[in-house]
């Protein structure tokens, strides 16, 4: 799903299909081969979607989270008293409404 949202966003922003295809080629249907004692192994498929340490990972994460949060972003309405304590200054209904929007955005990104 992460890649689907990311590719959809790139297309929506008018990024050339050539660049999108380059990214797809780097991350989809990847095969890995190892060299041991001077001999290469047969290639095997890698099922890692977006591995930790990948240079594109922070960008993809940011784009996907931004798209999911569309419509619920506004001025911060919480107060931090201590490092681990956060107090929300919103009613249950406001929070529920934002969760509904988040769920709707999530569904709209995968269909």
Protein backbone atom coordinates (compact mmCIF):
# COMPACT_ATOMS: atom_id res chain seq x y z
CA UNK A 1 0.00 0.00 0.00
CA UNK A 2 2.84 2.41 0.78
CA UNK A 3 4.13 2.29 -2.78
CA UNK A 4 0.65 2.62 -4.26
CA UNK A 5 0.04 5.84 -2.29
CA UNK A 6 3.50 7.15 -3.14
CA UNK A 7 3.16 6.47 -6.89
CA UNK A 8 -0.32 7.99 -6.89
CA UNK A 9 1.05 11.12 -5.19
CA UNK A 10 3.95 11.40 -7.67
CA UNK A 11 1.51 11.10 -10.57
CA UNK A 12 -0.82 13.69 -9.00
CA UNK A 13 2.12 16.10 -8.70
CA UNK A 14 2.91 15.69 -12.41
CA UNK A 15 6.15 13.75 -11.99
CA UNK A 16 7.25 12.17 -15.25
CA UNK A 17 6.29 8.51 -15.68
CA UNK A 18 9.96 7.88 -16.52
CA UNK A 19 11.06 8.93 -13.03
CA UNK A 20 8.25 6.94 -11.42
CA UNK A 21 9.33 3.89 -13.42
CA UNK A 22 12.95 4.32 -12.27
CA UNK A 23 11.80 4.24 -8.65
CA UNK A 24 9.62 1.20 -9.35
CA UNK A 25 12.55 -0.58 -10.98
CA UNK A 26 14.71 0.03 -7.91
CA UNK A 27 12.18 -1.28 -5.37
CA UNK A 28 9.78 -3.72 -7.06
CA UNK A 29 10.53 -7.35 -7.93
CA UNK A 30 14.08 -7.03 -6.65
CA UNK A 31 16.31 -10.09 -6.79
CA UNK A 32 19.33 -10.49 -4.52
CA UNK A 33 22.49 -12.43 -5.21
CA UNK A 34 25.38 -13.03 -2.83
CA UNK A 35 29.00 -13.79 -3.46
CA UNK A 36 30.68 -16.37 -1.22
CA UNK A 37 34.23 -17.60 -1.71
CA UNK A 38 34.34 -16.10 -5.17
CA UNK A 39 31.12 -17.73 -6.37
CA UNK A 40 27.78 -16.00 -6.85
CA UNK A 41 24.58 -17.58 -5.59
CA UNK A 42 21.48 -17.84 -7.73
CA UNK A 43 19.34 -14.74 -7.37
CA UNK A 44 16.41 -14.90 -4.98
CA UNK A 45 13.50 -12.49 -4.57
CA UNK A 46 13.59 -9.81 -1.89
CA UNK A 47 10.25 -9.16 -0.24
CA UNK A 48 11.39 -6.09 1.70
CA UNK A 49 9.15 -3.21 0.69
CA UNK A 50 11.08 -0.24 1.99
CA UNK A 51 14.05 -1.21 4.10
CA UNK A 52 15.43 0.74 7.01
CA UNK A 53 18.28 2.94 5.90
CA UNK A 54 16.94 3.41 2.40
CA UNK A 55 17.57 6.97 1.29
CA UNK A 56 14.02 7.33 -0.04
CA UNK A 57 12.32 5.92 3.09
CA UNK A 58 11.89 9.21 5.02
CA UNK A 59 10.46 10.93 1.95
CA UNK A 60 8.00 8.12 1.20
CA UNK A 61 6.91 7.98 4.86
CA UNK A 62 6.36 11.74 4.97
CA UNK A 63 4.31 11.76 1.77
CA UNK A 64 2.10 8.84 2.85
CA UNK A 65 1.46 10.32 6.32
CA UNK A 66 0.72 13.74 4.77
CA UNK A 67 -1.85 12.21 2.42
CA UNK A 68 -3.47 10.26 5.26
CA UNK A 69 -3.69 13.34 7.49
CA UNK A 70 -5.21 15.54 4.78
CA UNK A 71 -8.25 17.29 6.22
CA UNK A 72 -7.39 16.89 9.90
CA UNK A 73 -4.32 19.10 10.04
CA UNK A 74 -4.84 22.31 11.93
CA UNK A 75 -3.31 24.27 14.76
CA UNK A 76 -1.86 22.00 17.44
CA UNK A 77 -4.42 21.52 20.22
CA UNK A 78 -2.42 19.78 22.89
CA UNK A 79 -0.17 20.75 25.72
CA UNK A 80 2.92 18.87 26.86
CA UNK A 81 3.42 18.93 30.61
CA UNK A 82 6.24 16.39 30.81
CA UNK A 83 8.15 14.47 28.13
CA UNK A 84 5.73 11.52 28.28
CA UNK A 85 2.50 13.40 29.08
CA UNK A 86 0.31 14.96 26.43
CA UNK A 87 -3.05 16.53 27.24
CA UNK A 88 -5.51 16.98 24.38
CA UNK A 89 -7.70 20.07 24.45
CA UNK A 90 -10.41 18.66 22.21
CA UNK A 91 -13.72 17.01 22.90
CA UNK A 92 -14.31 13.32 22.23
CA UNK A 93 -16.52 14.23 19.27
CA UNK A 94 -13.77 16.32 17.64
CA UNK A 95 -11.27 13.47 18.08
CA UNK A 96 -13.79 10.92 16.76
CA UNK A 97 -14.47 13.12 13.73
CA UNK A 98 -10.74 13.38 12.98
CA UNK A 99 -10.40 9.61 13.26
CA UNK A 100 -13.29 9.20 10.81
CA UNK A 101 -11.56 11.54 8.35
CA UNK A 102 -8.31 9.61 8.79
CA UNK A 103 -10.11 6.32 8.13
CA UNK A 104 -11.84 7.77 5.05
CA UNK A 105 -8.53 9.10 3.72
CA UNK A 106 -6.92 5.70 4.29
CA UNK A 107 -9.65 3.95 2.33
CA UNK A 108 -9.59 6.47 -0.49
CA UNK A 109 -5.86 5.94 -0.94
CA UNK A 110 -6.15 2.19 -1.49
CA UNK A 111 -9.12 2.12 -3.86
